[in-house]
Amino acid sequence: MQDGFNDPLWRQVVSGAQMLFVAFGALVLMPLITGLDPNVALFTAGIGTLLFQLVTGRQVPVFLASSFAFITPIILAKGQFGLAETMGGVMAAGFVYTFMGLMVKIKGTGFIDRMLPPVVIGPVIISIGLAMAPIAANMAMGKGGDGTALMPYKTAMLISMPALLTTLIVAVFGKGIFRLVPIISGVLVGFALSFAFGVVDTARIAAAPWLEIPNFTAPAFNWQAILFIVPVALAPAIEHIGGVIAVGSVTGRDYLKKPGLHRTLLGDGLATTAAGLFGGPPNTTYAEVTGAVMLTKNYNPKIMTWAAVFAITLAFIGKFGALLQSIPVPVMGGILCLLFGSIAAVGMNTMIRHKIDLGEARNLVIVSVTLVFGIGGVLIGSGDGPDDWGLKGIALCAIVAIALNLILPGNDSWKHKKLDV
């Protein structure tokens, strides 16, 4: 069987470039949405992937990059606490993975099933997607996240809707490797239309140097910002487990046993902590890359090393970063109309696949309260002043969902199930 392990070096390099191409759209879109530097995101994706490979003995063919689950808390935390404090929260989120890896090593996977069953994870993921729906709609109509008009409505819609339509067509009808790059296809079409309408800041691209050190940001630690971001790490932790299981099913290897779930969680945690250290978005395993591994049948983890090297190299090309940052808001807004809805759909599918019966009062209570707290803007605490404490949004709904699951009777059904994400 051709699995890529005996490929010559040049083919491994080409395969690595292809993997980065598959991951690229989502990788840079997340920092562009949150106002982070896309060059820093490229750098931290590369460093994070290399750290993951170091911890796992380079046994798992995955690529780690920007996690969409953190979009909402990063945007809100930046506005409330500042970028440096937000990065401190991202580093703390990485420690959550590390702690979970330690618990898996000590107690096995049962405690994850007990603390984070589908009835908890499902509505939290739905909240992550739908909480950002108004921002996606505003961006598609040429407005900022707060509703401020950035360009004429008609121009914005003539850019955002074709970008969305292209993403939909490629995702549904694309064949081969093209099926795995719907985001980058939509961005290219939207960006081309933006040039045609004259809304791209070409002066910024021309002024940028070819070689430039990314705009790294050192973290600062604020316990309120940490509490705001850390609970969100629970959903991507489950996403990570699902990603490891998925790539194992593709390659025919059980990575939960070797190198072990505790090591993959530790690798993901170190990658996310490193991202916060440099000012980049939290990392997660990329399903698009797993799809590319399945399509190409190249299971050699060395190709992810080359993908990481290419990402780090691109991070130091200043004009490339300026080009990315010049992408107009409607381009991203159109694509986000699909992406945020897709995140919510993943949450619904989680509950459907595990046959969560909402006819049971216990399940109905957990799902209902989690959704309203996550999407409705419920605030626990004051949160008015810089020294006030408050929890809201995804952080609040994650904590509430876990607490309700542990407190309400009937939370021992996990004992009869195997880990299935």
Protein backbone atom coordinates (compact mmCIF):
# COMPACT_ATOMS: atom_id res chain seq x y z
CA MET A 1 0.00 0.00 0.00
CA GLN A 2 1.31 3.46 -0.93
CA ASP A 3 1.25 5.37 2.36
CA GLY A 4 3.90 8.00 1.72
CA PHE A 5 6.50 6.65 4.15
CA ASN A 6 8.88 5.69 1.34
CA ASP A 7 8.39 8.82 -0.76
CA PRO A 8 11.51 10.72 -1.83
CA LEU A 9 12.24 14.02 -0.10
CA TRP A 10 10.97 16.21 -2.94
CA ARG A 11 7.58 14.49 -2.88
CA GLN A 12 7.32 14.95 0.90
CA VAL A 13 8.04 18.67 0.43
CA VAL A 14 5.36 19.00 -2.27
CA SER A 15 2.85 17.08 -0.11
CA GLY A 16 3.63 19.39 2.81
CA ALA A 17 2.93 22.47 0.68
CA GLN A 18 -0.34 20.88 -0.43
CA MET A 19 -1.41 20.28 3.18
CA LEU A 20 -0.74 23.92 4.07
CA PHE A 21 -2.76 24.99 1.03
CA VAL A 22 -5.71 22.92 2.25
CA ALA A 23 -5.49 24.43 5.75
CA PHE A 24 -4.67 27.95 4.61
CA GLY A 25 -8.15 29.43 4.19
CA ALA A 26 -9.37 28.61 7.69
CA LEU A 27 -5.93 29.25 9.19
CA VAL A 28 -5.79 32.92 8.17
CA LEU A 29 -9.53 33.64 8.23
CA MET A 30 -9.77 33.22 12.01
CA PRO A 31 -7.12 35.88 12.84
CA LEU A 32 -8.54 38.23 10.21
CA ILE A 33 -11.97 37.98 11.85
CA THR A 34 -10.63 38.55 15.37
CA GLY A 35 -8.18 41.30 14.45
CA LEU A 36 -5.06 39.23 15.13
CA ASP A 37 -2.04 39.30 12.83
CA PRO A 38 -2.35 36.53 10.17
CA ASN A 39 1.45 36.30 9.92
CA VAL A 40 1.62 35.55 13.63
CA ALA A 41 -1.09 32.92 13.13
CA LEU A 42 1.00 31.28 10.40
CA PHE A 43 4.03 31.29 12.68
CA THR A 44 2.17 29.84 15.68
CA ALA A 45 0.47 27.19 13.50
CA GLY A 46 3.89 26.06 12.34
CA ILE A 47 5.45 26.15 15.81
CA GLY A 48 2.39 24.45 17.31
CA THR A 49 2.48 21.62 14.78
CA LEU A 50 6.19 21.05 15.45
CA LEU A 51 5.59 21.01 19.22
CA PHE A 52 2.76 18.50 18.73
CA GLN A 53 5.05 16.29 16.68
CA LEU A 54 7.77 16.52 19.32
CA VAL A 55 5.42 15.42 22.12
CA THR A 56 3.82 12.60 20.11
CA GLY A 57 7.06 11.30 18.60
CA ARG A 58 5.93 12.42 15.12
CA GLN A 59 3.46 9.54 14.87
CA VAL A 60 0.19 11.35 14.04
CA PRO A 61 -0.31 13.03 10.62
CA VAL A 62 -2.23 16.12 11.75
CA PHE A 63 -1.74 19.86 11.27
CA LEU A 64 -2.63 22.29 14.05
CA ALA A 65 -3.87 25.81 13.31
CA SER A 66 -6.39 28.52 14.28
CA SER A 67 -9.47 27.29 16.17
CA PHE A 68 -12.80 28.86 15.21
CA ALA A 69 -14.29 27.95 18.59
CA PHE A 70 -12.38 30.85 20.15
CA ILE A 71 -13.58 33.57 17.75
CA THR A 72 -16.34 34.89 20.02
CA PRO A 73 -14.37 35.00 23.29
CA ILE A 74 -11.28 36.51 21.63
CA ILE A 75 -13.28 39.32 20.01
CA LEU A 76 -15.10 40.10 23.26
CA ALA A 77 -12.03 39.69 25.47
CA LYS A 78 -9.95 42.00 23.26
CA GLY A 79 -12.55 44.73 23.62
CA GLN A 80 -12.96 44.25 27.35
CA PHE A 81 -9.45 43.41 28.58
CA GLY A 82 -7.01 44.15 25.73
CA LEU A 83 -4.94 41.99 23.38
CA ALA A 84 -2.14 41.12 25.84
CA GLU A 85 -4.62 40.00 28.52
CA THR A 86 -6.51 37.98 25.93
CA MET A 87 -3.29 36.17 25.00
CA GLY A 88 -2.79 35.38 28.70
CA GLY A 89 -6.21 33.73 28.61
CA VAL A 90 -5.22 31.77 25.50
CA MET A 91 -2.12 30.47 27.28
CA ALA A 92 -4.28 29.40 30.21
CA ALA A 93 -6.62 27.61 27.79
CA GLY A 94 -3.61 25.60 26.64
CA PHE A 95 -3.05 24.49 30.23
CA VAL A 96 -6.60 23.06 30.22
CA TYR A 97 -5.57 20.59 27.52
CA THR A 98 -2.44 19.78 29.49
CA PHE A 99 -4.50 19.12 32.62
CA MET A 100 -6.94 16.95 30.67
CA GLY A 101 -4.03 14.98 29.24
CA LEU A 102 -2.72 14.39 32.76
CA MET A 103 -6.16 13.23 33.94
CA VAL A 104 -6.45 10.85 30.96
CA LYS A 105 -3.04 9.43 31.88
CA ILE A 106 -4.13 8.90 35.51
CA LYS A 107 -7.82 7.97 35.20
CA GLY A 108 -8.33 6.96 31.58
CA THR A 109 -10.95 8.47 29.27
CA GLY A 110 -13.95 7.82 31.53
CA PHE A 111 -13.76 11.16 33.31
CA ILE A 112 -14.06 12.99 29.96
CA ASP A 113 -17.24 11.06 29.17
CA ARG A 114 -18.61 11.96 32.60
CA MET A 115 -17.73 15.65 32.57
CA LEU A 116 -18.25 16.38 28.87
CA PRO A 117 -20.98 14.11 27.46
CA PRO A 118 -22.73 15.01 24.18
CA VAL A 119 -25.61 16.72 26.02
CA VAL A 120 -23.04 19.25 27.29
CA ILE A 121 -20.79 19.59 24.26
CA GLY A 122 -23.65 19.78 21.71
CA PRO A 123 -25.38 22.95 22.92
CA VAL A 124 -22.06 24.64 23.74
CA ILE A 125 -20.88 24.14 20.15
CA ILE A 126 -24.25 25.38 18.85
CA SER A 127 -23.84 28.50 20.99
CA ILE A 128 -20.34 29.10 19.64
CA GLY A 129 -21.73 29.15 16.11
CA LEU A 130 -24.94 31.12 16.61
CA ALA A 131 -23.56 33.70 19.03
CA MET A 132 -21.56 35.17 16.16
CA ALA A 133 -24.36 35.05 13.56
CA PRO A 134 -25.21 38.79 13.84
CA ILE A 135 -21.57 39.76 13.30
CA ALA A 136 -21.36 37.56 10.19
CA ALA A 137 -24.53 39.18 8.81
CA ASN A 138 -23.22 42.69 9.50
CA MET A 139 -19.90 41.93 7.82
CA ALA A 140 -21.67 40.51 4.76
CA MET A 141 -23.61 43.78 4.48
CA GLY A 142 -20.47 45.90 4.69
CA LYS A 143 -20.71 46.79 8.36
CA GLY A 144 -18.36 46.33 11.27
CA GLY A 145 -19.19 43.96 14.09
CA ASP A 146 -20.89 46.83 15.94
CA GLY A 147 -23.08 47.73 12.96
CA THR A 148 -21.03 50.72 11.73
CA ALA A 149 -21.20 51.05 7.92
CA LEU A 150 -17.81 50.46 6.27
CA MET A 151 -18.90 50.51 2.62
CA PRO A 152 -22.13 50.90 0.60
CA TYR A 153 -24.61 48.07 1.14
CA LYS A 154 -24.99 47.27 -2.57
CA THR A 155 -21.24 46.98 -3.13
CA ALA A 156 -20.84 44.81 -0.05
CA MET A 157 -23.58 42.41 -1.11
CA LEU A 158 -22.16 42.14 -4.65
CA ILE A 159 -18.92 40.97 -3.02
CA SER A 160 -20.13 38.88 -0.08
CA MET A 161 -22.84 36.84 -1.80
CA PRO A 162 -20.66 35.60 -4.71
CA ALA A 163 -17.96 34.73 -2.15
CA LEU A 164 -20.55 32.74 -0.18
CA LEU A 165 -21.96 31.11 -3.33
CA THR A 166 -18.48 30.06 -4.48
CA THR A 167 -17.75 28.52 -1.09
CA LEU A 168 -21.04 26.60 -1.21
CA ILE A 169 -20.49 25.34 -4.77
CA VAL A 170 -16.93 24.14 -4.10
CA ALA A 171 -17.95 22.49 -0.82
CA VAL A 172 -20.85 20.60 -2.43
CA PHE A 173 -19.74 19.98 -5.99
CA GLY A 174 -15.93 20.15 -5.78
CA LYS A 175 -13.98 17.04 -6.75
CA GLY A 176 -10.69 15.74 -5.41
CA ILE A 177 -8.43 18.20 -3.65
CA PHE A 178 -10.66 21.15 -4.66
CA ARG A 179 -13.44 19.84 -2.43
CA LEU A 180 -11.16 20.51 0.54
CA VAL A 181 -10.55 24.21 -0.18
CA PRO A 182 -13.99 25.88 -0.27
CA ILE A 183 -12.89 28.73 2.01
CA ILE A 184 -9.86 29.74 0.00
CA SER A 185 -11.95 29.50 -3.21
CA GLY A 186 -14.54 31.88 -1.77
CA VAL A 187 -11.84 34.28 -0.58
CA LEU A 188 -10.21 34.37 -4.02
CA VAL A 189 -13.51 35.16 -5.77
CA GLY A 190 -14.48 37.78 -3.18
CA PHE A 191 -11.03 39.36 -3.30
CA ALA A 192 -11.12 39.53 -7.11
CA LEU A 193 -14.50 41.27 -6.98
CA SER A 194 -13.16 43.64 -4.32
CA PHE A 195 -10.37 44.66 -6.71
CA ALA A 196 -12.94 45.17 -9.46
CA PHE A 197 -14.99 47.47 -7.22
CA GLY A 198 -11.87 49.35 -6.08
CA VAL A 199 -12.29 48.68 -2.36
CA VAL A 200 -8.87 47.06 -1.73
CA ASP A 201 -6.20 49.18 -0.05
CA THR A 202 -3.37 48.54 -2.51
CA ALA A 203 -1.22 51.31 -1.01
CA ARG A 204 -0.82 49.28 2.16
CA ILE A 205 0.37 46.27 0.18
CA ALA A 206 2.85 48.37 -1.81
CA ALA A 207 4.26 49.99 1.35
CA ALA A 208 4.83 46.69 3.18
CA PRO A 209 8.39 45.28 3.13
CA TRP A 210 9.09 41.90 1.58
CA LEU A 211 10.71 40.55 4.72
CA GLU A 212 9.34 41.52 8.13
CA ILE A 213 9.23 40.03 11.62
CA PRO A 214 5.59 39.22 12.52
CA ASN A 215 3.88 41.56 14.98
CA PHE A 216 4.33 39.35 18.03
CA THR A 217 2.43 40.31 21.21
CA ALA A 218 3.61 39.31 24.67
CA PRO A 219 0.86 38.03 27.01
CA ALA A 220 -0.31 39.69 30.20
CA PHE A 221 -2.19 37.79 32.87
CA ASN A 222 -5.56 39.01 34.12
CA TRP A 223 -7.65 36.51 36.08
CA GLN A 224 -10.90 37.92 34.68
CA ALA A 225 -9.70 37.44 31.10
CA ILE A 226 -8.50 33.95 31.97
CA LEU A 227 -11.89 32.98 33.42
CA PHE A 228 -13.53 34.48 30.34
CA ILE A 229 -11.60 32.34 27.84
CA VAL A 230 -10.63 29.12 29.64
CA PRO A 231 -14.11 27.47 29.69
CA VAL A 232 -14.26 27.67 25.89
CA ALA A 233 -11.31 25.26 25.70
CA LEU A 234 -13.61 22.41 26.69
CA ALA A 235 -15.37 22.25 23.31
CA PRO A 236 -12.16 22.24 21.20
CA ALA A 237 -10.77 19.57 23.53
CA ILE A 238 -13.58 17.28 22.43
CA GLU A 239 -13.00 18.43 18.84
CA HIS A 240 -9.37 17.38 19.29
CA ILE A 241 -10.36 13.90 20.47
CA GLY A 242 -12.69 13.56 17.49
CA GLY A 243 -9.91 14.68 15.16
CA VAL A 244 -7.48 12.12 16.55
CA ILE A 245 -10.09 9.35 16.20
CA ALA A 246 -10.90 10.50 12.65
CA VAL A 247 -7.30 10.48 11.43
CA GLY A 248 -6.82 7.10 13.13
CA SER A 249 -9.76 5.69 11.18
CA VAL A 250 -8.18 7.01 7.98
CA THR A 251 -4.71 5.58 8.61
CA GLY A 252 -5.86 2.37 10.33
CA ARG A 253 -3.98 3.16 13.54
CA ASP A 254 -5.27 3.65 17.10
CA TYR A 255 -3.65 6.91 18.18
CA LEU A 256 -5.64 6.91 21.43
CA LYS A 257 -3.34 4.06 22.52
CA LYS A 258 -0.12 4.96 20.70
CA PRO A 259 1.16 7.60 21.24
CA GLY A 260 -1.87 7.91 23.56
CA LEU A 261 -4.62 10.48 24.06
CA HIS A 262 -2.70 11.99 26.98
CA ARG A 263 0.19 12.82 24.66
CA THR A 264 -1.97 14.25 21.87
CA LEU A 265 -3.83 16.45 24.36
CA LEU A 266 -0.51 17.58 25.83
CA GLY A 267 0.77 18.39 22.33
CA ASP A 268 -2.35 20.40 21.54
CA GLY A 269 -2.07 22.18 24.89
CA LEU A 270 1.56 23.15 24.33
CA ALA A 271 0.69 24.37 20.83
CA THR A 272 -2.08 26.60 22.16
CA THR A 273 0.07 27.89 25.03
CA ALA A 274 2.84 28.73 22.56
CA ALA A 275 0.31 30.55 20.38
CA GLY A 276 -0.71 32.74 23.32
CA LEU A 277 2.95 33.39 24.13
CA PHE A 278 3.52 34.95 20.69
CA GLY A 279 0.12 36.62 20.19
CA GLY A 280 -1.52 34.07 17.91
CA PRO A 281 -4.91 32.30 17.98
CA PRO A 282 -5.39 28.99 19.85
CA ASN A 283 -4.63 25.87 17.83
CA THR A 284 -6.68 22.81 17.01
CA THR A 285 -6.43 19.81 14.68
CA TYR A 286 -7.76 20.55 11.19
CA ALA A 287 -10.43 18.30 9.69
CA GLU A 288 -9.61 19.66 6.22
CA VAL A 289 -6.10 18.27 6.50
CA THR A 290 -7.44 14.91 7.70
CA GLY A 291 -9.61 14.90 4.59
CA ALA A 292 -6.54 15.58 2.46
CA VAL A 293 -4.69 12.72 4.16
CA MET A 294 -7.61 10.43 3.32
CA LEU A 295 -7.77 11.66 -0.27
CA THR A 296 -4.03 11.40 -1.01
CA LYS A 297 -3.50 8.28 1.14
CA ASN A 298 -0.25 9.86 2.33
CA TYR A 299 -0.01 8.94 6.02
CA ASN A 300 3.58 10.06 6.63
CA PRO A 301 3.69 12.59 9.51
CA LYS A 302 6.83 14.10 7.97
CA ILE A 303 4.68 15.93 5.44
CA MET A 304 3.15 17.89 8.35
CA THR A 305 6.67 18.90 9.35
CA TRP A 306 7.13 20.43 5.91
CA ALA A 307 3.71 22.11 6.10
CA ALA A 308 4.81 23.66 9.41
CA VAL A 309 8.10 24.84 7.89
CA PHE A 310 6.26 26.49 4.98
CA ALA A 311 3.85 28.21 7.41
CA ILE A 312 6.72 29.62 9.48
CA THR A 313 8.49 30.82 6.32
CA LEU A 314 5.39 32.62 5.00
CA ALA A 315 5.01 34.34 8.38
CA PHE A 316 8.10 36.46 7.66
CA ILE A 317 6.93 37.74 4.25
CA GLY A 318 5.59 41.22 5.03
CA LYS A 319 3.81 41.83 1.72
CA PHE A 320 1.96 38.54 2.10
CA GLY A 321 0.60 39.62 5.49
CA ALA A 322 -0.40 43.03 4.13
CA LEU A 323 -2.23 41.33 1.27
CA LEU A 324 -4.18 39.18 3.72
CA GLN A 325 -5.05 42.12 5.95
CA SER A 326 -6.34 44.08 2.96
CA ILE A 327 -9.15 41.57 2.35
CA PRO A 328 -12.37 43.63 2.73
CA VAL A 329 -14.89 42.81 5.44
CA PRO A 330 -17.71 41.62 3.08
CA VAL A 331 -15.48 38.83 1.71
CA MET A 332 -15.09 37.35 5.17
CA GLY A 333 -18.71 38.10 6.08
CA GLY A 334 -20.10 36.11 3.18
CA ILE A 335 -18.02 33.04 4.04
CA LEU A 336 -18.80 33.36 7.74
CA CYS A 337 -22.52 33.05 7.01
CA LEU A 338 -21.69 29.44 6.16
CA LEU A 339 -18.94 28.79 8.70
CA PHE A 340 -20.79 29.91 11.81
CA GLY A 341 -23.87 27.99 10.73
CA SER A 342 -21.65 24.96 10.11
CA ILE A 343 -20.28 25.15 13.65
CA ALA A 344 -23.83 25.16 15.01
CA ALA A 345 -24.68 22.21 12.76
CA VAL A 346 -21.75 20.26 14.21
CA GLY A 347 -23.25 20.78 17.66
CA MET A 348 -26.67 19.57 16.50
CA ASN A 349 -25.10 16.57 14.80
CA THR A 350 -23.28 15.69 18.02
CA MET A 351 -26.60 15.37 19.84
CA ILE A 352 -28.29 13.57 16.95
CA ARG A 353 -25.54 10.95 16.55
CA HIS A 354 -25.58 10.20 20.27
CA LYS A 355 -29.40 10.11 20.28
CA ILE A 356 -29.89 12.74 22.98
CA ASP A 357 -33.56 12.49 23.92
CA LEU A 358 -34.90 15.99 24.54
CA GLY A 359 -38.09 14.39 25.78
CA GLU A 360 -36.19 13.69 29.00
CA ALA A 361 -36.49 16.62 31.38
CA ARG A 362 -32.83 16.41 32.38
CA ASN A 363 -31.55 16.74 28.80
CA LEU A 364 -34.07 19.44 27.93
CA VAL A 365 -33.03 21.55 30.93
CA ILE A 366 -29.32 21.31 30.12
CA VAL A 367 -29.74 22.12 26.42
CA SER A 368 -32.28 24.91 26.92
CA VAL A 369 -30.41 26.80 29.62
CA THR A 370 -27.08 26.39 27.84
CA LEU A 371 -28.43 27.82 24.58
CA VAL A 372 -30.11 30.84 26.19
CA PHE A 373 -27.09 31.63 28.37
CA GLY A 374 -24.73 31.22 25.43
CA ILE A 375 -26.66 33.13 22.77
CA GLY A 376 -28.89 35.46 24.77
CA GLY A 377 -26.16 37.46 26.50
CA VAL A 378 -26.94 36.54 30.11
CA LEU A 379 -24.38 38.10 32.46
CA ILE A 380 -23.49 36.66 35.86
CA GLY A 381 -21.78 39.33 37.94
CA SER A 382 -21.34 43.02 37.27
CA GLY A 383 -18.69 43.39 34.59
CA ASP A 384 -19.25 47.17 34.37
CA GLY A 385 -15.88 48.39 35.62
CA PRO A 386 -12.31 47.18 35.10
CA ASP A 387 -12.26 45.62 38.55
CA ASP A 388 -15.71 44.05 38.34
CA TRP A 389 -16.15 40.36 37.73
CA GLY A 390 -18.60 38.88 35.29
CA LEU A 391 -19.18 35.78 33.17
CA LYS A 392 -21.24 35.70 30.00
CA GLY A 393 -21.49 34.16 26.56
CA ILE A 394 -19.67 30.94 25.72
CA ALA A 395 -17.63 30.90 28.94
CA LEU A 396 -20.77 31.12 31.04
CA CYS A 397 -22.81 28.57 29.10
CA ALA A 398 -19.93 26.03 29.17
CA ILE A 399 -19.64 26.28 32.95
CA VAL A 400 -23.43 26.13 33.41
CA ALA A 401 -23.75 23.09 31.10
CA ILE A 402 -21.04 21.19 32.98
CA ALA A 403 -22.50 22.12 36.37
CA LEU A 404 -26.04 21.09 35.41
CA ASN A 405 -24.79 17.79 34.02
CA LEU A 406 -22.91 16.99 37.23
CA ILE A 407 -25.65 18.16 39.60
CA LEU A 408 -28.82 16.83 37.99
CA PRO A 409 -29.73 13.16 38.64
CA GLY A 410 -28.92 10.63 35.93
CA ASN A 411 -25.39 11.66 35.04
CA ASP A 412 -23.98 8.14 35.23
CA SER A 413 -25.05 7.01 31.75
CA TRP A 414 -21.48 7.65 30.59
CA LYS A 415 -20.42 4.45 32.36
CA HIS A 416 -22.18 2.38 29.75
CA LYS A 417 -20.64 4.07 26.73
CA LYS A 418 -17.25 4.06 25.07
CA LEU A 419 -15.54 7.23 24.00
CA ASP A 420 -17.19 8.14 20.70
CA VAL A 421 -16.76 11.60 19.32
